[in-house]
Every structure is written in structure tokens, then in C-alpha cells.
Amino acid sequence: MAGFDIKNNTIWPLEISLRQLGPLYWGVTNPGETFRRGTGAVWFTIQATVSLDGKEHITKWDAIWPIASVVGALAIGALTGGYGAFAMAGSIASSVGSLSIAGITASMASTLIAGGVAATEAIVISGATLGALSSSAAATALSNIFTKQNASVSKMGCYAGWSGHKHYTISGGPTLKPLPNGQMELVPGKLKIR
């Protein structure tokens, strides 16, 4: 069966989804693992978002809502001669956007530690150690690193083909850079799909 193999070559858990109108297949894939789905010969948009807490943030409602919205807009359009469909389209577009990145929490520090950093005192962000920052300062520093542009990526027009699996790799994103004193600096970077 045709499908997709999407390798996570980042240091973060990624929530990967195959989307058409909304997400049809999704799941969290840890660093070094492969998101594998048999889909048949279909076109998709691949989307990946850093999941610092390692949990799924896409719900079944995220998959159902875009379809229900379009069906509802078409039904209203048929009943109102097209006028109502245009009025509803604006509200649908504003309510169905890309996933937001999970809030900056203390669990992010534990993700960094799970990635091989000995302790939060060994992680440096913008010249300060993560362990020495207050919760609000750490949240601000982390949110400046994990911006939407750095922590999510999508690629449209991905075709599974007629047989076998199409292979993609997700790399980049925020990363840890070794410092001479043994600490690791968390630096921004953009995710890429190839």
C-alpha cells in the first residue's frame, strides 16, 4: 500500500500530521523515530510541530471541524442562493488555523534534560542559565526560541504515489550548541521538511 514514512531528525518530539482539509493522520514521533502511515495514493500536506511536552495536541475535533464547516457552508449557500456561504466562509477561515504551539511550561526543561543535557543549570538561553531564570523569564526566553516559525513547518503537495512509501525527513528547529565550559546553549533554528 502507498503511504508516507516521515523521519524525525530533530532533537524534539514532533507532532506530525498528514492533512487535507484538516488532519487525517497524526501522532507524536520522538527524535530518531519514523512516522509511518499507509494512506493509499493520495495528496497531503505534511505538518510538523514541536511537542515539548511529548503529547498530542491535535484532537478528533480538529479533524472533524474543517469538514463540518465546509459542509455547513455549502448547505447554507444552497439554502440562501450563495449569499450565506460567503458570509460563513470568513468565520470558518478565522476559526480553522494552524496548530498553536503548546504553552511554555516547566515540562520543556525536562524535555531538554531527556535530550541529554545533565540539568537545567547546563542549559544557556541568551547568556543566562535556564535553572537560574525565574519561571516567567524562562517562559519568555523559551517562547523567543520556540516561535511559530521555528517550531512548526508544513509542506503542501506531497503525493504518496501508487506503491510503496514516500520518504521525507524533518530536520532543524531549535537546537543545542555545545559551549567550551560544558554548558549547552539553546539556539533558534527553523524546521525543514525534505
C-alpha atoms as a PDB file:
ATOM      1  CA  MET A   1       0.000   0.000   0.000  1.00  0.00           C
ATOM      2  CA  ALA A   2       1.171   3.531  -0.745  1.00  0.00           C
ATOM      3  CA  GLY A   3       1.869   5.847   2.163  1.00  0.00           C
ATOM      4  CA  PHE A   4       4.377   8.032   3.951  1.00  0.00           C
ATOM      5  CA  ASP A   5       7.488   7.494   6.081  1.00  0.00           C
ATOM      6  CA  ILE A   6       8.484  10.735   7.829  1.00  0.00           C
ATOM      7  CA  LYS A   7      11.711  10.566   9.860  1.00  0.00           C
ATOM      8  CA  ASN A   8      12.161  12.880  12.847  1.00  0.00           C
ATOM      9  CA  ASN A   9      15.797  14.034  12.616  1.00  0.00           C
ATOM     10  CA  THR A  10      15.387  16.742  15.272  1.00  0.00           C
ATOM     11  CA  ILE A  11      16.159  16.630  18.988  1.00  0.00           C
ATOM     12  CA  TRP A  12      12.478  17.254  19.863  1.00  0.00           C
ATOM     13  CA  PRO A  13       9.297  15.175  19.894  1.00  0.00           C
ATOM     14  CA  LEU A  14       7.250  16.249  16.864  1.00  0.00           C
ATOM     15  CA  GLU A  15       3.513  16.035  16.371  1.00  0.00           C
ATOM     16  CA  ILE A  16       3.328  15.093  12.701  1.00  0.00           C
ATOM     17  CA  SER A  17       0.127  15.168  10.699  1.00  0.00           C
ATOM     18  CA  LEU A  18      -1.000  14.388   7.174  1.00  0.00           C
ATOM     19  CA  ARG A  19      -3.672  16.924   6.276  1.00  0.00           C
ATOM     20  CA  GLN A  20      -6.162  17.605   3.546  1.00  0.00           C
ATOM     21  CA  LEU A  21      -8.934  19.894   4.701  1.00  0.00           C
ATOM     22  CA  GLY A  22      -7.924  19.046   8.276  1.00  0.00           C
ATOM     23  CA  PRO A  23      -5.663  16.425   9.872  1.00  0.00           C
ATOM     24  CA  LEU A  24      -6.477  12.868   8.750  1.00  0.00           C
ATOM     25  CA  TYR A  25      -3.483  11.056  10.277  1.00  0.00           C
ATOM     26  CA  TRP A  26      -1.408  12.324  13.196  1.00  0.00           C
ATOM     27  CA  GLY A  27       0.767  11.320  16.105  1.00  0.00           C
ATOM     28  CA  VAL A  28       3.798  12.257  18.208  1.00  0.00           C
ATOM     29  CA  THR A  29       7.100  10.967  16.859  1.00  0.00           C
ATOM     30  CA  ASN A  30      10.172  11.050  19.089  1.00  0.00           C
ATOM     31  CA  PRO A  31      13.653  12.021  17.872  1.00  0.00           C
ATOM     32  CA  GLY A  32      15.123   9.361  15.575  1.00  0.00           C
ATOM     33  CA  GLU A  33      11.745   7.646  15.055  1.00  0.00           C
ATOM     34  CA  THR A  34       9.669   7.455  11.885  1.00  0.00           C
ATOM     35  CA  PHE A  35       6.006   8.429  11.486  1.00  0.00           C
ATOM     36  CA  ARG A  36       4.659   5.728   9.129  1.00  0.00           C
ATOM     37  CA  ARG A  37       1.151   5.724   7.693  1.00  0.00           C
ATOM     38  CA  GLY A  38      -0.405   3.726   4.859  1.00  0.00           C
ATOM     39  CA  THR A  39      -2.672   6.181   3.066  1.00  0.00           C
ATOM     40  CA  GLY A  40      -3.152   4.960  -0.468  1.00  0.00           C
ATOM     41  CA  ALA A  41      -2.285   7.107  -3.496  1.00  0.00           C
ATOM     42  CA  VAL A  42      -3.434  10.477  -2.127  1.00  0.00           C
ATOM     43  CA  TRP A  43      -2.125  14.071  -1.919  1.00  0.00           C
ATOM     44  CA  PHE A  44      -1.469  15.548   1.528  1.00  0.00           C
ATOM     45  CA  THR A  45       0.078  18.488   3.304  1.00  0.00           C
ATOM     46  CA  ILE A  46       2.662  17.321   5.839  1.00  0.00           C
ATOM     47  CA  GLN A  47       2.693  19.409   9.016  1.00  0.00           C
ATOM     48  CA  ALA A  48       5.027  19.049  11.980  1.00  0.00           C
ATOM     49  CA  THR A  49       5.015  20.952  15.264  1.00  0.00           C
ATOM     50  CA  VAL A  50       7.448  20.629  18.157  1.00  0.00           C
ATOM     51  CA  SER A  51       5.633  18.965  21.061  1.00  0.00           C
ATOM     52  CA  LEU A  52       7.797  19.876  24.033  1.00  0.00           C
ATOM     53  CA  ASP A  53       5.541  18.038  26.435  1.00  0.00           C
ATOM     54  CA  GLY A  54       5.589  14.943  24.171  1.00  0.00           C
ATOM     55  CA  LYS A  55       1.779  14.859  23.942  1.00  0.00           C
ATOM     56  CA  GLU A  56      -0.681  15.035  21.058  1.00  0.00           C
ATOM     57  CA  HIS A  57      -2.408  18.380  20.720  1.00  0.00           C
ATOM     58  CA  ILE A  58      -4.482  17.507  17.648  1.00  0.00           C
ATOM     59  CA  THR A  59      -7.889  16.143  18.610  1.00  0.00           C
ATOM     60  CA  LYS A  60     -10.596  14.332  16.683  1.00  0.00           C
ATOM     61  CA  TRP A  61     -12.497  17.609  16.717  1.00  0.00           C
ATOM     62  CA  ASP A  62      -9.599  19.218  14.774  1.00  0.00           C
ATOM     63  CA  ALA A  63     -10.133  16.550  12.110  1.00  0.00           C
ATOM     64  CA  ILE A  64     -13.935  16.857  12.021  1.00  0.00           C
ATOM     65  CA  TRP A  65     -14.431  20.634  12.326  1.00  0.00           C
ATOM     66  CA  PRO A  66     -12.983  21.717   8.916  1.00  0.00           C
ATOM     67  CA  ILE A  67     -15.112  19.168   7.069  1.00  0.00           C
ATOM     68  CA  ALA A  68     -18.257  20.014   9.039  1.00  0.00           C
ATOM     69  CA  SER A  69     -17.609  23.715   8.405  1.00  0.00           C
ATOM     70  CA  VAL A  70     -17.346  23.296   4.646  1.00  0.00           C
ATOM     71  CA  VAL A  71     -20.408  21.050   4.504  1.00  0.00           C
ATOM     72  CA  GLY A  72     -22.292  23.587   6.618  1.00  0.00           C
ATOM     73  CA  ALA A  73     -21.188  26.486   4.396  1.00  0.00           C
ATOM     74  CA  LEU A  74     -22.288  24.599   1.282  1.00  0.00           C
ATOM     75  CA  ALA A  75     -25.666  23.781   2.832  1.00  0.00           C
ATOM     76  CA  ILE A  76     -26.208  27.408   3.855  1.00  0.00           C
ATOM     77  CA  GLY A  77     -25.111  28.500   0.376  1.00  0.00           C
ATOM     78  CA  ALA A  78     -27.688  26.194  -1.225  1.00  0.00           C
ATOM     79  CA  LEU A  79     -30.446  27.498   1.046  1.00  0.00           C
ATOM     80  CA  THR A  80     -29.580  31.193   0.595  1.00  0.00           C
ATOM     81  CA  GLY A  81     -28.607  31.174  -3.070  1.00  0.00           C
ATOM     82  CA  GLY A  82     -24.904  31.519  -2.246  1.00  0.00           C
ATOM     83  CA  TYR A  83     -25.064  34.612  -0.048  1.00  0.00           C
ATOM     84  CA  GLY A  84     -24.859  32.762   3.293  1.00  0.00           C
ATOM     85  CA  ALA A  85     -21.915  30.619   2.183  1.00  0.00           C
ATOM     86  CA  PHE A  86     -19.772  33.714   1.640  1.00  0.00           C
ATOM     87  CA  ALA A  87     -20.768  35.169   4.983  1.00  0.00           C
ATOM     88  CA  MET A  88     -19.884  31.925   6.763  1.00  0.00           C
ATOM     89  CA  ALA A  89     -16.555  31.435   4.936  1.00  0.00           C
ATOM     90  CA  GLY A  90     -14.890  34.290   6.831  1.00  0.00           C
ATOM     91  CA  SER A  91     -15.743  32.838  10.224  1.00  0.00           C
ATOM     92  CA  ILE A  92     -14.596  29.365   9.160  1.00  0.00           C
ATOM     93  CA  ALA A  93     -11.239  30.656   7.929  1.00  0.00           C
ATOM     94  CA  SER A  94     -10.606  32.509  11.181  1.00  0.00           C
ATOM     95  CA  SER A  95     -11.519  29.553  13.397  1.00  0.00           C
ATOM     96  CA  VAL A  96      -9.630  26.857  11.488  1.00  0.00           C
ATOM     97  CA  GLY A  97      -5.978  27.834  11.560  1.00  0.00           C
ATOM     98  CA  SER A  98      -2.727  26.012  12.043  1.00  0.00           C
ATOM     99  CA  LEU A  99      -1.983  24.443  15.388  1.00  0.00           C
ATOM    100  CA  SER A 100      -0.700  26.675  18.134  1.00  0.00           C
ATOM    101  CA  ILE A 101       2.430  25.589  19.905  1.00  0.00           C
ATOM    102  CA  ALA A 102       1.829  24.202  23.392  1.00  0.00           C
ATOM    103  CA  GLY A 103       2.335  26.742  26.167  1.00  0.00           C
ATOM    104  CA  ILE A 104       5.796  27.303  27.591  1.00  0.00           C
ATOM    105  CA  THR A 105       5.941  25.235  30.788  1.00  0.00           C
ATOM    106  CA  ALA A 106       8.407  23.587  33.104  1.00  0.00           C
ATOM    107  CA  SER A 107       7.954  20.358  31.131  1.00  0.00           C
ATOM    108  CA  MET A 108      10.042  21.939  28.378  1.00  0.00           C
ATOM    109  CA  ALA A 109      13.067  21.890  30.637  1.00  0.00           C
ATOM    110  CA  SER A 110      12.504  18.189  31.299  1.00  0.00           C
ATOM    111  CA  THR A 111      12.399  17.609  27.511  1.00  0.00           C
ATOM    112  CA  LEU A 112      15.815  19.240  27.214  1.00  0.00           C
ATOM    113  CA  ILE A 113      17.148  17.089  30.054  1.00  0.00           C
ATOM    114  CA  ALA A 114      15.698  13.970  28.386  1.00  0.00           C
ATOM    115  CA  GLY A 115      17.628  15.021  25.269  1.00  0.00           C
ATOM    116  CA  GLY A 116      20.924  14.509  27.063  1.00  0.00           C
ATOM    117  CA  VAL A 117      21.525  17.738  28.977  1.00  0.00           C
ATOM    118  CA  ALA A 118      22.554  16.952  32.549  1.00  0.00           C
ATOM    119  CA  ALA A 119      20.488  19.635  34.316  1.00  0.00           C
ATOM    120  CA  THR A 120      18.749  22.938  33.676  1.00  0.00           C
ATOM    121  CA  GLU A 121      21.872  24.674  35.028  1.00  0.00           C
ATOM    122  CA  ALA A 122      23.720  23.268  31.991  1.00  0.00           C
ATOM    123  CA  ILE A 123      21.306  24.928  29.521  1.00  0.00           C
ATOM    124  CA  VAL A 124      22.043  28.509  28.497  1.00  0.00           C
ATOM    125  CA  ILE A 125      19.476  30.748  26.810  1.00  0.00           C
ATOM    126  CA  SER A 126      20.549  34.235  25.695  1.00  0.00           C
ATOM    127  CA  GLY A 127      23.502  34.207  28.097  1.00  0.00           C
ATOM    128  CA  ALA A 128      21.607  33.048  31.214  1.00  0.00           C
ATOM    129  CA  THR A 129      21.287  29.522  32.570  1.00  0.00           C
ATOM    130  CA  LEU A 130      17.768  28.136  32.395  1.00  0.00           C
ATOM    131  CA  GLY A 131      17.958  26.920  36.006  1.00  0.00           C
ATOM    132  CA  ALA A 132      18.755  30.441  37.264  1.00  0.00           C
ATOM    133  CA  LEU A 133      15.835  32.113  35.495  1.00  0.00           C
ATOM    134  CA  SER A 134      12.502  32.751  37.161  1.00  0.00           C
ATOM    135  CA  SER A 135       9.547  30.870  35.694  1.00  0.00           C
ATOM    136  CA  SER A 136       8.304  33.915  33.799  1.00  0.00           C
ATOM    137  CA  ALA A 137      11.799  34.808  32.494  1.00  0.00           C
ATOM    138  CA  ALA A 138      12.345  31.186  31.406  1.00  0.00           C
ATOM    139  CA  ALA A 139       8.952  31.131  29.677  1.00  0.00           C
ATOM    140  CA  THR A 140       9.782  34.359  27.832  1.00  0.00           C
ATOM    141  CA  ALA A 141      13.241  33.119  26.812  1.00  0.00           C
ATOM    142  CA  LEU A 142      11.847  29.783  25.604  1.00  0.00           C
ATOM    143  CA  SER A 143       8.977  31.443  23.722  1.00  0.00           C
ATOM    144  CA  ASN A 144      11.541  33.584  21.884  1.00  0.00           C
ATOM    145  CA  ILE A 145      13.340  30.389  20.775  1.00  0.00           C
ATOM    146  CA  PHE A 146      10.207  28.304  20.020  1.00  0.00           C
ATOM    147  CA  THR A 147       8.415  30.797  17.803  1.00  0.00           C
ATOM    148  CA  LYS A 148       5.796  29.519  15.377  1.00  0.00           C
ATOM    149  CA  GLN A 149       8.335  29.919  12.563  1.00  0.00           C
ATOM    150  CA  ASN A 150      10.942  27.813  14.416  1.00  0.00           C
ATOM    151  CA  ALA A 151       8.681  25.178  15.965  1.00  0.00           C
ATOM    152  CA  SER A 152       6.345  24.287  13.107  1.00  0.00           C
ATOM    153  CA  VAL A 153       6.658  23.534   9.408  1.00  0.00           C
ATOM    154  CA  SER A 154       4.413  22.342   6.610  1.00  0.00           C
ATOM    155  CA  LYS A 155       4.886  21.123   3.059  1.00  0.00           C
ATOM    156  CA  MET A 156       1.982  21.101   0.606  1.00  0.00           C
ATOM    157  CA  GLY A 157       1.517  18.847  -2.412  1.00  0.00           C
ATOM    158  CA  CYS A 158       3.015  15.630  -1.032  1.00  0.00           C
ATOM    159  CA  TYR A 159       1.871  12.605  -3.023  1.00  0.00           C
ATOM    160  CA  ALA A 160       2.110   9.064  -1.695  1.00  0.00           C
ATOM    161  CA  GLY A 161       2.394   7.530  -5.176  1.00  0.00           C
ATOM    162  CA  TRP A 162       0.869   4.266  -6.348  1.00  0.00           C
ATOM    163  CA  SER A 163       3.043   1.798  -4.472  1.00  0.00           C
ATOM    164  CA  GLY A 164       5.492   1.819  -1.612  1.00  0.00           C
ATOM    165  CA  HIS A 165       6.042   4.635   0.817  1.00  0.00           C
ATOM    166  CA  LYS A 166       7.274   8.150   0.033  1.00  0.00           C
ATOM    167  CA  HIS A 167      10.132   9.127   2.353  1.00  0.00           C
ATOM    168  CA  TYR A 168      10.513  12.541   3.968  1.00  0.00           C
ATOM    169  CA  THR A 169      12.807  13.858   6.692  1.00  0.00           C
ATOM    170  CA  ILE A 170      12.148  16.644   9.179  1.00  0.00           C
ATOM    171  CA  SER A 171      15.298  18.314  10.491  1.00  0.00           C
ATOM    172  CA  GLY A 172      16.476  21.575  12.026  1.00  0.00           C
ATOM    173  CA  GLY A 173      14.455  23.511  14.548  1.00  0.00           C
ATOM    174  CA  PRO A 174      15.850  24.940  17.764  1.00  0.00           C
ATOM    175  CA  THR A 175      18.991  23.077  18.725  1.00  0.00           C
ATOM    176  CA  LEU A 176      21.613  22.776  21.441  1.00  0.00           C
ATOM    177  CA  LYS A 177      25.076  24.186  20.725  1.00  0.00           C
ATOM    178  CA  PRO A 178      27.965  22.997  22.948  1.00  0.00           C
ATOM    179  CA  LEU A 179      29.847  25.744  24.781  1.00  0.00           C
ATOM    180  CA  PRO A 180      33.521  25.482  25.852  1.00  0.00           C
ATOM    181  CA  ASN A 181      32.554  25.385  29.562  1.00  0.00           C
ATOM    182  CA  GLY A 182      30.466  22.207  29.103  1.00  0.00           C
ATOM    183  CA  GLN A 183      27.134  24.011  29.020  1.00  0.00           C
ATOM    184  CA  MET A 184      24.720  23.799  26.088  1.00  0.00           C
ATOM    185  CA  GLU A 185      23.226  26.911  24.525  1.00  0.00           C
ATOM    186  CA  LEU A 186      19.686  26.620  23.209  1.00  0.00           C
ATOM    187  CA  VAL A 187      19.666  28.447  19.874  1.00  0.00           C
ATOM    188  CA  PRO A 188      16.822  29.149  17.453  1.00  0.00           C
ATOM    189  CA  GLY A 189      16.557  27.385  14.120  1.00  0.00           C
ATOM    190  CA  LYS A 190      13.819  26.610  11.581  1.00  0.00           C
ATOM    191  CA  LEU A 191      12.326  23.204  10.955  1.00  0.00           C
ATOM    192  CA  LYS A 192      12.677  21.847   7.411  1.00  0.00           C
ATOM    193  CA  ILE A 193      10.921  19.047   5.513  1.00  0.00           C
ATOM    194  CA  ARG A 194      12.835  17.293   2.748  1.00  0.00           C
END
